[in-house]
C-alpha atoms as a PDB file:
ATOM      1  CA  MET A   1      18.062  14.733  -7.043  1.00  0.00           C
ATOM      2  CA  ILE A   2      14.967  16.801  -7.783  1.00  0.00           C
ATOM      3  CA  TYR A   3      12.529  17.505  -4.921  1.00  0.00           C
ATOM      4  CA  ASN A   4       9.151  15.664  -5.238  1.00  0.00           C
ATOM      5  CA  LYS A   5       6.676  17.110  -2.769  1.00  0.00           C
ATOM      6  CA  TYR A   6       4.472  14.042  -3.307  1.00  0.00           C
ATOM      7  CA  ASP A   7       7.285  11.836  -2.006  1.00  0.00           C
ATOM      8  CA  ASP A   8       6.055  10.069   1.148  1.00  0.00           C
ATOM      9  CA  ARG A   9       9.581  10.200   2.602  1.00  0.00           C
ATOM     10  CA  ASN A  10       9.233  13.949   3.125  1.00  0.00           C
ATOM     11  CA  ASN A  11       6.994  15.924   5.325  1.00  0.00           C
ATOM     12  CA  GLN A  12       4.991  19.080   4.261  1.00  0.00           C
ATOM     13  CA  SER A  13       8.194  21.089   4.787  1.00  0.00           C
ATOM     14  CA  GLY A  14      10.209  18.909   2.635  1.00  0.00           C
ATOM     15  CA  CYS A  15      12.299  17.546   5.197  1.00  0.00           C
ATOM     16  CA  CYS A  16      13.075  13.740   5.487  1.00  0.00           C
ATOM     17  CA  ASP A  17      10.626  12.237   8.038  1.00  0.00           C
ATOM     18  CA  PRO A  18      11.291   8.494   8.231  1.00  0.00           C
ATOM     19  CA  THR A  19       8.915   7.801  11.224  1.00  0.00           C
ATOM     20  CA  ALA A  20       5.863   8.983   9.373  1.00  0.00           C
ATOM     21  CA  TYR A  21       7.093   7.301   6.206  1.00  0.00           C
ATOM     22  CA  ASN A  22       7.444   3.991   8.025  1.00  0.00           C
ATOM     23  CA  ALA A  23       3.914   4.363   9.433  1.00  0.00           C
ATOM     24  CA  LEU A  24       2.327   5.271   6.271  1.00  0.00           C
ATOM     25  CA  LYS A  25       4.034   2.345   4.459  1.00  0.00           C
ATOM     26  CA  LYS A  26       2.698  -0.021   6.939  1.00  0.00           C
ATOM     27  CA  ILE A  27      -0.827   1.507   6.427  1.00  0.00           C
ATOM     28  CA  LYS A  28      -0.576   1.192   2.720  1.00  0.00           C
ATOM     29  CA  LYS A  29       0.532  -2.326   3.018  1.00  0.00           C
ATOM     30  CA  ASP A  30      -2.328  -3.314   5.231  1.00  0.00           C
ATOM     31  CA  GLU A  31      -4.852  -1.601   2.911  1.00  0.00           C
ATOM     32  CA  ARG A  32      -3.361  -3.232  -0.093  1.00  0.00           C
ATOM     33  CA  ARG A  33      -3.547  -6.723   1.734  1.00  0.00           C
ATOM     34  CA  ALA A  34      -7.273  -5.999   2.791  1.00  0.00           C
ATOM     35  CA  LEU A  35      -8.075  -5.070  -0.951  1.00  0.00           C
ATOM     36  CA  ILE A  36      -6.512  -8.266  -2.174  1.00  0.00           C
ATOM     37  CA  GLN A  37      -8.536 -10.344   0.210  1.00  0.00           C
ATOM     38  CA  LYS A  38     -11.687  -8.821  -0.783  1.00  0.00           C
ATOM     39  CA  MET A  39     -10.829  -9.314  -4.297  1.00  0.00           C
ATOM     40  CA  ASN A  40     -10.018 -12.999  -3.999  1.00  0.00           C
ATOM     41  CA  ALA A  41     -13.271 -13.576  -1.818  1.00  0.00           C
ATOM     42  CA  LEU A  42     -15.239 -11.935  -4.762  1.00  0.00           C
ATOM     43  CA  ALA A  43     -13.532 -14.030  -7.259  1.00  0.00           C
ATOM     44  CA  ASN A  44     -14.169 -17.171  -5.392  1.00  0.00           C
ATOM     45  CA  GLN A  45     -17.912 -16.256  -5.090  1.00  0.00           C
ATOM     46  CA  ASN A  46     -18.055 -16.043  -8.832  1.00  0.00           C
ATOM     47  CA  GLY A  47     -16.184 -19.262  -9.536  1.00  0.00           C
ATOM     48  CA  TYR A  48     -12.685 -18.270 -10.012  1.00  0.00           C
ATOM     49  CA  HIS A  49      -9.984 -20.248  -8.039  1.00  0.00           C
ATOM     50  CA  TYR A  50      -6.512 -19.484  -7.996  1.00  0.00           C
ATOM     51  CA  LYS A  51      -3.945 -22.543  -7.775  1.00  0.00           C
ATOM     52  CA  ALA A  52      -0.691 -21.665  -6.770  1.00  0.00           C
ATOM     53  CA  PRO A  53       2.088 -23.169  -9.159  1.00  0.00           C
END
């Protein structure tokens, strides 16, 4: 496996750091959820409505 220094599972020294990875994963999920909510609110303000199948 080729080392990727931008992989979130590894710390700055390249060692596996699952605690930091899990924290960052949760933060990214929360940020993504907030962005989707903002996009939905903007779409609703402009007359677009999503209907779930």
